[in-house]
């Protein structure tokens, strides 16, 4: 069956939304959520402020859409890489390389910090963020990760796969932010070694 191509209006709408998200990424990472200006986001995208409200209800809405955009992009990348793995060992190595690759995305680290601060400062939006996260990962997260990485085991000191994955990502983003403050101390080589050891500690081979 031949895929239906979007018409010109749909294509322009999609392009405008993507332009706005790219501009929002730059402004939010640079200025933070509170100081970010919608007019500046629109201007950077070459659009009017009205274009933002045609796609997003508010600054909060475009901020959450940006978070979802990043989450979907990384989930897609991971799924594509795992599709080429044929064993639990390969899956684990794929996940390790994924986390090491995040170290090169400085903007992601800054945005993750902004997303967390946003949730703390705006409790009313926290539920929306959690719901979007649940929509990205429907079903039992632990069951999904166990099928990919093997069981964490039943020892008292064992950390569930879901908990481990939830911890690694913010650790990596925090290291990115810290390294931006002092690149002479936290070099890329040091960060790579640190993330590798953290990965081994939190996600050891399955049992």
Protein backbone atom coordinates (compact mmCIF):
# COMPACT_ATOMS: atom_id res chain seq x y z
CA UNK A 1 0.00 0.00 0.00
CA UNK A 2 1.34 3.44 -0.94
CA UNK A 3 1.73 5.81 2.00
CA UNK A 4 -0.44 8.92 1.84
CA UNK A 5 1.75 12.00 1.55
CA UNK A 6 0.80 15.02 3.67
CA UNK A 7 -0.64 17.93 1.72
CA UNK A 8 1.18 21.26 1.54
CA UNK A 9 -0.73 22.73 4.48
CA UNK A 10 0.03 19.74 6.69
CA UNK A 11 3.68 19.85 5.65
CA UNK A 12 3.96 23.57 6.46
CA UNK A 13 2.27 23.01 9.81
CA UNK A 14 4.72 20.23 10.67
CA UNK A 15 7.71 22.31 9.57
CA UNK A 16 6.56 25.30 11.62
CA UNK A 17 6.11 23.16 14.73
CA UNK A 18 9.59 21.67 14.32
CA UNK A 19 11.11 25.12 13.81
CA UNK A 20 9.43 26.39 16.97
CA UNK A 21 10.65 23.40 18.98
CA UNK A 22 14.23 23.86 17.76
CA UNK A 23 14.11 27.53 18.70
CA UNK A 24 12.53 26.71 22.06
CA UNK A 25 15.33 24.23 22.74
CA UNK A 26 17.94 26.94 22.22
CA UNK A 27 16.13 29.57 24.30
CA UNK A 28 15.17 27.27 27.19
CA UNK A 29 18.69 25.85 27.42
CA UNK A 30 20.21 29.34 27.33
CA UNK A 31 17.79 31.31 29.51
CA UNK A 32 15.95 28.69 31.56
CA UNK A 33 12.19 28.20 31.70
CA UNK A 34 11.31 31.20 33.84
CA UNK A 35 13.29 33.73 31.77
CA UNK A 36 12.48 32.27 28.35
CA UNK A 37 10.49 34.65 26.15
CA UNK A 38 7.94 33.33 23.66
CA UNK A 39 8.47 36.32 21.37
CA UNK A 40 12.15 35.49 21.15
CA UNK A 41 11.38 31.85 20.40
CA UNK A 42 9.06 32.93 17.58
CA UNK A 43 11.58 35.43 16.20
CA UNK A 44 14.37 32.86 16.16
CA UNK A 45 12.08 30.51 14.22
CA UNK A 46 11.22 33.29 11.76
CA UNK A 47 7.58 33.22 12.85
CA UNK A 48 5.20 35.50 14.74
CA UNK A 49 4.23 34.96 18.36
CA UNK A 50 0.79 34.03 17.08
CA UNK A 51 2.33 31.02 15.37
CA UNK A 52 3.30 29.67 18.77
CA UNK A 53 -0.27 29.86 20.04
CA UNK A 54 -1.47 28.14 16.88
CA UNK A 55 0.56 25.09 17.94
CA UNK A 56 0.90 25.37 21.72
CA UNK A 57 -1.43 26.66 24.44
CA UNK A 58 1.24 28.29 26.59
CA UNK A 59 4.93 28.46 27.46
CA UNK A 60 4.39 25.46 29.71
CA UNK A 61 2.82 23.55 26.83
CA UNK A 62 5.73 24.15 24.44
CA UNK A 63 8.17 23.28 27.23
CA UNK A 64 6.47 19.93 27.88
CA UNK A 65 6.23 19.31 24.13
CA UNK A 66 9.98 19.87 23.90
CA UNK A 67 10.58 17.33 26.67
CA UNK A 68 8.34 14.82 24.89
CA UNK A 69 10.12 15.52 21.58
CA UNK A 70 13.50 14.69 23.13
CA UNK A 71 12.16 11.62 24.93
CA UNK A 72 10.58 10.26 21.73
CA UNK A 73 13.75 10.90 19.73
CA UNK A 74 15.93 9.02 22.18
CA UNK A 75 13.43 6.19 22.54
CA UNK A 76 13.35 5.79 18.76
CA UNK A 77 17.16 5.75 18.60
CA UNK A 78 17.30 3.09 21.30
CA UNK A 79 14.65 0.91 19.64
CA UNK A 80 16.48 1.10 16.31
CA UNK A 81 19.76 0.07 17.91
CA UNK A 82 18.21 -2.75 19.93
CA UNK A 83 16.57 -4.09 16.76
CA UNK A 84 20.05 -5.12 15.60
CA UNK A 85 20.94 -6.91 18.85
CA UNK A 86 20.54 -10.66 19.08
CA UNK A 87 21.29 -11.32 22.76
CA UNK A 88 20.93 -9.86 26.25
CA UNK A 89 24.68 -9.16 26.27
CA UNK A 90 24.42 -7.15 23.06
CA UNK A 91 21.37 -5.32 24.40
CA UNK A 92 23.31 -4.30 27.49
CA UNK A 93 26.26 -3.09 25.43
CA UNK A 94 23.87 -1.11 23.21
CA UNK A 95 22.42 0.59 26.27
CA UNK A 96 25.90 1.36 27.59
CA UNK A 97 26.88 3.05 24.31
CA UNK A 98 23.62 4.98 24.35
CA UNK A 99 24.37 6.51 27.76
CA UNK A 100 27.96 7.26 26.79
CA UNK A 101 26.66 8.99 23.67
CA UNK A 102 24.48 11.28 25.78
CA UNK A 103 27.64 12.89 27.14
CA UNK A 104 28.11 14.60 23.78
CA UNK A 105 24.68 16.26 23.95
CA UNK A 106 25.36 19.27 26.18
CA UNK A 107 22.00 20.88 25.42
CA UNK A 108 20.19 17.74 26.58
CA UNK A 109 21.95 17.90 29.95
CA UNK A 110 20.94 21.53 30.46
CA UNK A 111 17.35 20.86 29.39
CA UNK A 112 17.03 17.88 31.72
CA UNK A 113 18.04 20.13 34.60
CA UNK A 114 15.44 22.68 33.52
CA UNK A 115 12.75 19.99 33.26
CA UNK A 116 13.47 18.82 36.82
CA UNK A 117 13.51 22.35 38.23
CA UNK A 118 10.30 23.09 36.35
CA UNK A 119 8.57 20.10 37.99
CA UNK A 120 9.72 21.18 41.45
CA UNK A 121 8.62 24.78 40.97
CA UNK A 122 5.34 23.94 39.24
CA UNK A 123 3.76 20.98 41.10
CA UNK A 124 0.55 21.42 39.12
CA UNK A 125 2.45 20.54 35.93
CA UNK A 126 4.25 17.57 37.47
CA UNK A 127 1.25 15.30 36.88
CA UNK A 128 1.18 16.22 33.19
CA UNK A 129 4.87 15.40 32.87
CA UNK A 130 4.40 12.06 34.64
CA UNK A 131 1.43 11.21 32.41
CA UNK A 132 3.45 11.90 29.26
CA UNK A 133 6.22 9.68 30.62
CA UNK A 134 3.70 6.91 31.30
CA UNK A 135 2.37 7.23 27.74
CA UNK A 136 5.90 6.79 26.38
CA UNK A 137 6.39 3.59 28.36
CA UNK A 138 3.04 1.79 28.69
CA UNK A 139 2.85 -1.46 30.64
CA UNK A 140 5.32 -2.84 33.15
CA UNK A 141 8.62 -0.99 32.76
CA UNK A 142 10.45 -3.57 34.87
CA UNK A 143 9.14 -6.44 32.76
CA UNK A 144 10.18 -4.69 29.55
CA UNK A 145 13.69 -3.95 30.80
CA UNK A 146 14.14 -7.44 32.24
CA UNK A 147 13.33 -8.94 28.84
CA UNK A 148 16.00 -6.70 27.31
CA UNK A 149 18.72 -6.83 29.98
CA UNK A 150 17.99 -9.96 31.95
CA UNK A 151 16.83 -10.14 35.56
CA UNK A 152 18.47 -8.03 38.26
CA UNK A 153 18.24 -11.03 40.59
CA UNK A 154 16.70 -11.45 44.04
CA UNK A 155 19.62 -10.55 46.30
CA UNK A 156 18.99 -7.93 48.97
CA UNK A 157 21.32 -5.45 47.31
CA UNK A 158 19.86 -5.97 43.83
CA UNK A 159 18.47 -2.84 42.15
CA UNK A 160 15.51 -3.27 39.83
CA UNK A 161 16.16 -2.60 36.16
CA UNK A 162 13.55 0.16 36.06
CA UNK A 163 15.05 1.92 39.10
CA UNK A 164 18.56 1.64 37.66
CA UNK A 165 17.54 3.17 34.34
CA UNK A 166 15.67 5.96 36.15
CA UNK A 167 18.86 6.77 38.09
CA UNK A 168 21.45 6.62 35.32
CA UNK A 169 19.88 9.23 33.07
CA UNK A 170 19.76 12.06 35.67
CA UNK A 171 23.28 11.16 36.81
CA UNK A 172 24.54 11.56 33.25
CA UNK A 173 22.70 14.87 32.78
CA UNK A 174 24.10 16.17 36.09
CA UNK A 175 27.63 15.26 35.02
CA UNK A 176 27.11 17.10 31.73
CA UNK A 177 26.08 20.26 33.58
CA UNK A 178 29.00 19.98 36.03
CA UNK A 179 31.49 19.47 33.22
CA UNK A 180 30.20 22.60 31.51
CA UNK A 181 31.25 24.55 34.60
CA UNK A 182 34.75 23.06 34.75
CA UNK A 183 35.85 21.30 31.57
CA UNK A 184 39.49 21.23 32.68
CA UNK A 185 38.65 18.92 35.58
CA UNK A 186 35.74 16.88 34.24
CA UNK A 187 37.17 16.04 30.83
CA UNK A 188 35.38 13.87 28.29
CA UNK A 189 37.75 11.02 29.13
CA UNK A 190 36.98 11.25 32.86
CA UNK A 191 33.24 11.49 32.22
CA UNK A 192 33.33 8.44 29.96
CA UNK A 193 35.11 6.40 32.63
CA UNK A 194 32.69 7.61 35.30
CA UNK A 195 29.55 6.80 33.32
CA UNK A 196 30.98 3.41 32.37
CA UNK A 197 31.54 2.54 36.04
CA UNK A 198 28.14 3.86 37.06
CA UNK A 199 26.55 1.73 34.35
CA UNK A 200 28.39 -1.38 35.59
CA UNK A 201 27.33 -0.71 39.17
CA UNK A 202 23.65 -0.06 38.46
CA UNK A 203 23.10 -2.40 35.51
CA UNK A 204 25.32 -5.45 36.04
CA UNK A 205 24.90 -8.50 33.77
CA UNK A 206 21.57 -10.26 34.19
CA UNK A 207 21.20 -13.43 36.21
